[in-house]
Every structure is written in C-alpha cells, then in structure tokens.
Amino acid sequence: MTKRLVDVDDDMLAQVRTLLGTSTTKATINGALAEVLALAARREVLLNPELVAGSAALADDELRRSAWA
C-alpha cells in the first residue's frame, strides 16, 4: 500500500462510514474503493450478458415464460 495525502470531504466520509459500517478512515476509503470496483464489475455483466452462462436464454420471452410455468 502507498500512503497518500489527500483532502477528503468529512461529511461524505461520515456518510460512507455509516453505510459501510466501518470504524476507521482507512477501512472506509478501502471499502468504498472495493464497492466501486464491484459496481463496475456488475455493470459490465449487465451490459454484456454473454459474459453470464445461460443469460442469452433469458432474453428469449418464450423460454423465460416457460421457466415460471
């Protein structure tokens, strides 16, 4: 890890700390970075359904209806 000197918005940090349930600034920032990376990965899958096995079948209305029959 690299130490960095940055200006951080204290109000936003407190809000994110509450959302993540973290107790330190380091844990809050690292948790927020992990959340952004996870969000980007989920977005990639949503925008590229071929990345998920079987997801092409979900686009077929008839197959999707038959799954609930």
PDB file of N, CA and C in Angstrom:
ATOM      1  N   MET A   1       0.834  -1.181   0.000  1.00  0.00           N
ATOM      2  CA  MET A   1       0.000   0.000   0.000  1.00  0.00           C
ATOM      3  C   MET A   1       0.876   1.241   0.000  1.00  0.00           C
ATOM      4  N   THR A   2       0.304   2.289  -0.543  1.00  0.00           N
ATOM      5  CA  THR A   2       1.009   3.556  -0.606  1.00  0.00           C
ATOM      6  C   THR A   2       0.296   4.577   0.254  1.00  0.00           C
ATOM      7  N   LYS A   3       1.053   5.290   1.063  1.00  0.00           N
ATOM      8  CA  LYS A   3       0.457   6.375   1.846  1.00  0.00           C
ATOM      9  C   LYS A   3       0.280   7.571   0.933  1.00  0.00           C
ATOM     10  N   ARG A   4      -0.892   8.229   1.071  1.00  0.00           N
ATOM     11  CA  ARG A   4      -1.192   9.396   0.250  1.00  0.00           C
ATOM     12  C   ARG A   4      -1.791  10.477   1.136  1.00  0.00           C
ATOM     13  N   LEU A   5      -1.470  11.695   0.799  1.00  0.00           N
ATOM     14  CA  LEU A   5      -2.044  12.833   1.500  1.00  0.00           C
ATOM     15  C   LEU A   5      -3.108  13.428   0.584  1.00  0.00           C
ATOM     16  N   VAL A   6      -4.373  13.329   1.002  1.00  0.00           N
ATOM     17  CA  VAL A   6      -5.479  13.828   0.175  1.00  0.00           C
ATOM     18  C   VAL A   6      -6.455  14.603   1.045  1.00  0.00           C
ATOM     19  N   ASP A   7      -7.164  15.521   0.403  1.00  0.00           N
ATOM     20  CA  ASP A   7      -8.251  16.223   1.078  1.00  0.00           C
ATOM     21  C   ASP A   7      -9.512  15.384   0.885  1.00  0.00           C
ATOM     22  N   VAL A   8     -10.197  15.108   1.984  1.00  0.00           N
ATOM     23  CA  VAL A   8     -11.397  14.279   1.942  1.00  0.00           C
ATOM     24  C   VAL A   8     -12.549  15.068   2.552  1.00  0.00           C
ATOM     25  N   ASP A   9     -13.695  15.029   1.887  1.00  0.00           N
ATOM     26  CA  ASP A   9     -14.893  15.684   2.397  1.00  0.00           C
ATOM     27  C   ASP A   9     -15.351  14.929   3.653  1.00  0.00           C
ATOM     28  N   ASP A  10     -15.298  15.583   4.801  1.00  0.00           N
ATOM     29  CA  ASP A  10     -15.614  14.927   6.075  1.00  0.00           C
ATOM     30  C   ASP A  10     -17.056  14.456   6.152  1.00  0.00           C
ATOM     31  N   ASP A  11     -17.983  15.231   5.600  1.00  0.00           N
ATOM     32  CA  ASP A  11     -19.388  14.826   5.638  1.00  0.00           C
ATOM     33  C   ASP A  11     -19.626  13.577   4.791  1.00  0.00           C
ATOM     34  N   MET A  12     -19.049  13.551   3.595  1.00  0.00           N
ATOM     35  CA  MET A  12     -19.204  12.366   2.745  1.00  0.00           C
ATOM     36  C   MET A  12     -18.534  11.156   3.380  1.00  0.00           C
ATOM     37  N   LEU A  13     -17.378  11.365   3.980  1.00  0.00           N
ATOM     38  CA  LEU A  13     -16.677  10.267   4.643  1.00  0.00           C
ATOM     39  C   LEU A  13     -17.541   9.690   5.757  1.00  0.00           C
ATOM     40  N   ALA A  14     -18.165  10.553   6.543  1.00  0.00           N
ATOM     41  CA  ALA A  14     -19.031  10.087   7.636  1.00  0.00           C
ATOM     42  C   ALA A  14     -20.236   9.310   7.097  1.00  0.00           C
ATOM     43  N   GLN A  15     -20.801   9.797   6.002  1.00  0.00           N
ATOM     44  CA  GLN A  15     -21.954   9.098   5.414  1.00  0.00           C
ATOM     45  C   GLN A  15     -21.563   7.714   4.895  1.00  0.00           C
ATOM     46  N   VAL A  16     -20.423   7.650   4.221  1.00  0.00           N
ATOM     47  CA  VAL A  16     -19.952   6.371   3.690  1.00  0.00           C
ATOM     48  C   VAL A  16     -19.571   5.431   4.832  1.00  0.00           C
ATOM     49  N   ARG A  17     -18.973   5.981   5.874  1.00  0.00           N
ATOM     50  CA  ARG A  17     -18.615   5.167   7.042  1.00  0.00           C
ATOM     51  C   ARG A  17     -19.870   4.511   7.620  1.00  0.00           C
ATOM     52  N   THR A  18     -20.940   5.266   7.701  1.00  0.00           N
ATOM     53  CA  THR A  18     -22.207   4.724   8.213  1.00  0.00           C
ATOM     54  C   THR A  18     -22.752   3.644   7.282  1.00  0.00           C
ATOM     55  N   LEU A  19     -22.747   3.926   5.987  1.00  0.00           N
ATOM     56  CA  LEU A  19     -23.255   2.951   5.016  1.00  0.00           C
ATOM     57  C   LEU A  19     -22.475   1.648   5.031  1.00  0.00           C
ATOM     58  N   LEU A  20     -21.160   1.759   5.141  1.00  0.00           N
ATOM     59  CA  LEU A  20     -20.316   0.559   5.111  1.00  0.00           C
ATOM     60  C   LEU A  20     -20.162  -0.089   6.476  1.00  0.00           C
ATOM     61  N   GLY A  21     -20.478   0.657   7.524  1.00  0.00           N
ATOM     62  CA  GLY A  21     -20.311   0.118   8.871  1.00  0.00           C
ATOM     63  C   GLY A  21     -18.855   0.002   9.280  1.00  0.00           C
ATOM     64  N   THR A  22     -18.025   0.884   8.753  1.00  0.00           N
ATOM     65  CA  THR A  22     -16.596   0.847   9.080  1.00  0.00           C
ATOM     66  C   THR A  22     -16.300   1.800  10.233  1.00  0.00           C
ATOM     67  N   SER A  23     -15.159   1.601  10.860  1.00  0.00           N
ATOM     68  CA  SER A  23     -14.846   2.435  12.025  1.00  0.00           C
ATOM     69  C   SER A  23     -13.618   3.323  11.836  1.00  0.00           C
ATOM     70  N   THR A  24     -12.863   3.071  10.767  1.00  0.00           N
ATOM     71  CA  THR A  24     -11.668   3.889  10.542  1.00  0.00           C
ATOM     72  C   THR A  24     -11.735   4.528   9.153  1.00  0.00           C
ATOM     73  N   THR A  25     -10.990   5.593   8.987  1.00  0.00           N
ATOM     74  CA  THR A  25     -10.930   6.253   7.688  1.00  0.00           C
ATOM     75  C   THR A  25     -10.340   5.312   6.644  1.00  0.00           C
ATOM     76  N   LYS A  26      -9.288   4.608   7.009  1.00  0.00           N
ATOM     77  CA  LYS A  26      -8.650   3.674   6.076  1.00  0.00           C
ATOM     78  C   LYS A  26      -9.636   2.608   5.613  1.00  0.00           C
ATOM     79  N   ALA A  27     -10.353   2.003   6.544  1.00  0.00           N
ATOM     80  CA  ALA A  27     -11.325   0.965   6.195  1.00  0.00           C
ATOM     81  C   ALA A  27     -12.456   1.532   5.342  1.00  0.00           C
ATOM     82  N   THR A  28     -12.865   2.758   5.641  1.00  0.00           N
ATOM     83  CA  THR A  28     -13.942   3.387   4.886  1.00  0.00           C
ATOM     84  C   THR A  28     -13.522   3.642   3.450  1.00  0.00           C
ATOM     85  N   ILE A  29     -12.356   4.201   3.262  1.00  0.00           N
ATOM     86  CA  ILE A  29     -11.885   4.501   1.909  1.00  0.00           C
ATOM     87  C   ILE A  29     -11.622   3.220   1.130  1.00  0.00           C
ATOM     88  N   ASN A  30     -10.973   2.246   1.747  1.00  0.00           N
ATOM     89  CA  ASN A  30     -10.733   0.978   1.052  1.00  0.00           C
ATOM     90  C   ASN A  30     -12.047   0.263   0.743  1.00  0.00           C
ATOM     91  N   GLY A  31     -13.004   0.323   1.656  1.00  0.00           N
ATOM     92  CA  GLY A  31     -14.313  -0.271   1.412  1.00  0.00           C
ATOM     93  C   GLY A  31     -15.050   0.419   0.280  1.00  0.00           C
ATOM     94  N   ALA A  32     -14.966   1.738   0.237  1.00  0.00           N
ATOM     95  CA  ALA A  32     -15.608   2.493  -0.838  1.00  0.00           C
ATOM     96  C   ALA A  32     -14.975   2.152  -2.183  1.00  0.00           C
ATOM     97  N   LEU A  33     -13.659   2.037  -2.222  1.00  0.00           N
ATOM     98  CA  LEU A  33     -12.987   1.658  -3.463  1.00  0.00           C
ATOM     99  C   LEU A  33     -13.421   0.260  -3.909  1.00  0.00           C
ATOM    100  N   ALA A  34     -13.525  -0.662  -2.968  1.00  0.00           N
ATOM    101  CA  ALA A  34     -13.971  -2.024  -3.292  1.00  0.00           C
ATOM    102  C   ALA A  34     -15.397  -2.016  -3.823  1.00  0.00           C
ATOM    103  N   GLU A  35     -16.258  -1.185  -3.242  1.00  0.00           N
ATOM    104  CA  GLU A  35     -17.641  -1.081  -3.711  1.00  0.00           C
ATOM    105  C   GLU A  35     -17.713  -0.551  -5.135  1.00  0.00           C
ATOM    106  N   VAL A  36     -16.895   0.432  -5.456  1.00  0.00           N
ATOM    107  CA  VAL A  36     -16.884   0.990  -6.810  1.00  0.00           C
ATOM    108  C   VAL A  36     -16.417  -0.069  -7.809  1.00  0.00           C
ATOM    109  N   LEU A  37     -15.399  -0.837  -7.451  1.00  0.00           N
ATOM    110  CA  LEU A  37     -14.920  -1.902  -8.333  1.00  0.00           C
ATOM    111  C   LEU A  37     -15.980  -2.986  -8.520  1.00  0.00           C
ATOM    112  N   ALA A  38     -16.678  -3.345  -7.455  1.00  0.00           N
ATOM    113  CA  ALA A  38     -17.745  -4.340  -7.555  1.00  0.00           C
ATOM    114  C   ALA A  38     -18.891  -3.824  -8.423  1.00  0.00           C
ATOM    115  N   LEU A  39     -19.231  -2.563  -8.267  1.00  0.00           N
ATOM    116  CA  LEU A  39     -20.269  -1.950  -9.093  1.00  0.00           C
ATOM    117  C   LEU A  39     -19.876  -1.984 -10.566  1.00  0.00           C
ATOM    118  N   ALA A  40     -18.634  -1.666 -10.855  1.00  0.00           N
ATOM    119  CA  ALA A  40     -18.163  -1.688 -12.240  1.00  0.00           C
ATOM    120  C   ALA A  40     -18.242  -3.102 -12.818  1.00  0.00           C
ATOM    121  N   ALA A  41     -17.915  -4.103 -12.024  1.00  0.00           N
ATOM    122  CA  ALA A  41     -17.989  -5.492 -12.484  1.00  0.00           C
ATOM    123  C   ALA A  41     -19.437  -5.888 -12.758  1.00  0.00           C
ATOM    124  N   ARG A  42     -20.363  -5.496 -11.861  1.00  0.00           N
ATOM    125  CA  ARG A  42     -21.789  -5.799 -12.088  1.00  0.00           C
ATOM    126  C   ARG A  42     -22.294  -5.091 -13.331  1.00  0.00           C
ATOM    127  N   ARG A  43     -21.893  -3.839 -13.510  1.00  0.00           N
ATOM    128  CA  ARG A  43     -22.309  -3.080 -14.686  1.00  0.00           C
ATOM    129  C   ARG A  43     -21.809  -3.760 -15.959  1.00  0.00           C
ATOM    130  N   GLU A  44     -20.586  -4.237 -15.944  1.00  0.00           N
ATOM    131  CA  GLU A  44     -20.013  -4.918 -17.114  1.00  0.00           C
ATOM    132  C   GLU A  44     -20.843  -6.141 -17.486  1.00  0.00           C
ATOM    133  N   VAL A  45     -21.258  -6.908 -16.495  1.00  0.00           N
ATOM    134  CA  VAL A  45     -22.067  -8.094 -16.757  1.00  0.00           C
ATOM    135  C   VAL A  45     -23.433  -7.697 -17.302  1.00  0.00           C
ATOM    136  N   LEU A  46     -24.037  -6.653 -16.734  1.00  0.00           N
ATOM    137  CA  LEU A  46     -25.346  -6.224 -17.211  1.00  0.00           C
ATOM    138  C   LEU A  46     -25.290  -5.711 -18.650  1.00  0.00           C
ATOM    139  N   LEU A  47     -24.203  -5.049 -19.004  1.00  0.00           N
ATOM    140  CA  LEU A  47     -24.072  -4.516 -20.353  1.00  0.00           C
ATOM    141  C   LEU A  47     -23.597  -5.563 -21.360  1.00  0.00           C
ATOM    142  N   ASN A  48     -23.052  -6.670 -20.856  1.00  0.00           N
ATOM    143  CA  ASN A  48     -22.556  -7.747 -21.719  1.00  0.00           C
ATOM    144  C   ASN A  48     -23.097  -9.082 -21.218  1.00  0.00           C
ATOM    145  N   PRO A  49     -24.382  -9.367 -21.445  1.00  0.00           N
ATOM    146  CA  PRO A  49     -24.981 -10.588 -20.898  1.00  0.00           C
ATOM    147  C   PRO A  49     -24.320 -11.868 -21.371  1.00  0.00           C
ATOM    148  N   GLU A  50     -23.590 -11.814 -22.474  1.00  0.00           N
ATOM    149  CA  GLU A  50     -22.908 -13.026 -22.939  1.00  0.00           C
ATOM    150  C   GLU A  50     -21.824 -13.480 -21.969  1.00  0.00           C
ATOM    151  N   LEU A  51     -21.462 -12.619 -21.021  1.00  0.00           N
ATOM    152  CA  LEU A  51     -20.469 -12.985 -20.016  1.00  0.00           C
ATOM    153  C   LEU A  51     -21.033 -13.947 -18.975  1.00  0.00           C
ATOM    154  N   VAL A  52     -22.362 -14.037 -18.899  1.00  0.00           N
ATOM    155  CA  VAL A  52     -23.012 -14.903 -17.914  1.00  0.00           C
ATOM    156  C   VAL A  52     -23.562 -16.131 -18.622  1.00  0.00           C
ATOM    157  N   ALA A  53     -23.123 -17.302 -18.216  1.00  0.00           N
ATOM    158  CA  ALA A  53     -23.574 -18.535 -18.856  1.00  0.00           C
ATOM    159  C   ALA A  53     -25.090 -18.653 -18.761  1.00  0.00           C
ATOM    160  N   GLY A  54     -25.721 -18.909 -19.897  1.00  0.00           N
ATOM    161  CA  GLY A  54     -27.168 -19.107 -19.930  1.00  0.00           C
ATOM    162  C   GLY A  54     -27.971 -17.829 -20.011  1.00  0.00           C
ATOM    163  N   SER A  55     -27.327 -16.683 -19.948  1.00  0.00           N
ATOM    164  CA  SER A  55     -28.086 -15.435 -19.927  1.00  0.00           C
ATOM    165  C   SER A  55     -28.752 -15.135 -21.260  1.00  0.00           C
ATOM    166  N   ALA A  56     -28.224 -15.662 -22.360  1.00  0.00           N
ATOM    167  CA  ALA A  56     -28.859 -15.438 -23.658  1.00  0.00           C
ATOM    168  C   ALA A  56     -30.252 -16.044 -23.672  1.00  0.00           C
ATOM    169  N   ALA A  57     -30.426 -17.168 -22.983  1.00  0.00           N
ATOM    170  CA  ALA A  57     -31.738 -17.805 -22.914  1.00  0.00           C
ATOM    171  C   ALA A  57     -32.735 -16.924 -22.183  1.00  0.00           C
ATOM    172  N   LEU A  58     -32.275 -16.115 -21.257  1.00  0.00           N
ATOM    173  CA  LEU A  58     -33.188 -15.248 -20.513  1.00  0.00           C
ATOM    174  C   LEU A  58     -33.787 -14.169 -21.400  1.00  0.00           C
ATOM    175  N   ALA A  59     -33.131 -13.854 -22.499  1.00  0.00           N
ATOM    176  CA  ALA A  59     -33.643 -12.842 -23.415  1.00  0.00           C
ATOM    177  C   ALA A  59     -34.789 -13.386 -24.268  1.00  0.00           C
ATOM    178  N   ASP A  60     -34.908 -14.699 -24.355  1.00  0.00           N
ATOM    179  CA  ASP A  60     -35.979 -15.324 -25.135  1.00  0.00           C
ATOM    180  C   ASP A  60     -37.249 -15.339 -24.300  1.00  0.00           C
ATOM    181  N   ASP A  61     -38.270 -14.585 -24.743  1.00  0.00           N
ATOM    182  CA  ASP A  61     -39.514 -14.461 -23.977  1.00  0.00           C
ATOM    183  C   ASP A  61     -40.161 -15.810 -23.692  1.00  0.00           C
ATOM    184  N   GLU A  62     -40.203 -16.678 -24.688  1.00  0.00           N
ATOM    185  CA  GLU A  62     -40.865 -17.978 -24.504  1.00  0.00           C
ATOM    186  C   GLU A  62     -40.126 -18.828 -23.473  1.00  0.00           C
ATOM    187  N   LEU A  63     -38.819 -18.869 -23.553  1.00  0.00           N
ATOM    188  CA  LEU A  63     -38.035 -19.639 -22.561  1.00  0.00           C
ATOM    189  C   LEU A  63     -38.223 -19.069 -21.161  1.00  0.00           C
ATOM    190  N   ARG A  64     -38.248 -17.743 -21.072  1.00  0.00           N
ATOM    191  CA  ARG A  64     -38.419 -17.113 -19.777  1.00  0.00           C
ATOM    192  C   ARG A  64     -39.806 -17.418 -19.193  1.00  0.00           C
ATOM    193  N   ARG A  65     -40.837 -17.367 -20.040  1.00  0.00           N
ATOM    194  CA  ARG A  65     -42.191 -17.703 -19.571  1.00  0.00           C
ATOM    195  C   ARG A  65     -42.271 -19.171 -19.119  1.00  0.00           C
ATOM    196  N   SER A  66     -41.642 -20.052 -19.871  1.00  0.00           N
ATOM    197  CA  SER A  66     -41.726 -21.488 -19.536  1.00  0.00           C
ATOM    198  C   SER A  66     -41.020 -21.791 -18.214  1.00  0.00           C
ATOM    199  N   ALA A  67     -40.071 -20.975 -17.840  1.00  0.00           N
ATOM    200  CA  ALA A  67     -39.372 -21.188 -16.562  1.00  0.00           C
ATOM    201  C   ALA A  67     -40.326 -20.987 -15.386  1.00  0.00           C
ATOM    202  N   TRP A  68     -41.375 -20.195 -15.570  1.00  0.00           N
ATOM    203  CA  TRP A  68     -42.320 -19.910 -14.491  1.00  0.00           C
ATOM    204  C   TRP A  68     -43.594 -20.733 -14.595  1.00  0.00           C
ATOM    205  N   ALA A  69     -43.676 -21.598 -15.598  1.00  0.00           N
ATOM    206  CA  ALA A  69     -44.892 -22.410 -15.794  1.00  0.00           C
ATOM    207  C   ALA A  69     -44.938 -23.580 -14.848  1.00  0.00           C
TER     208      ALA A  69
END
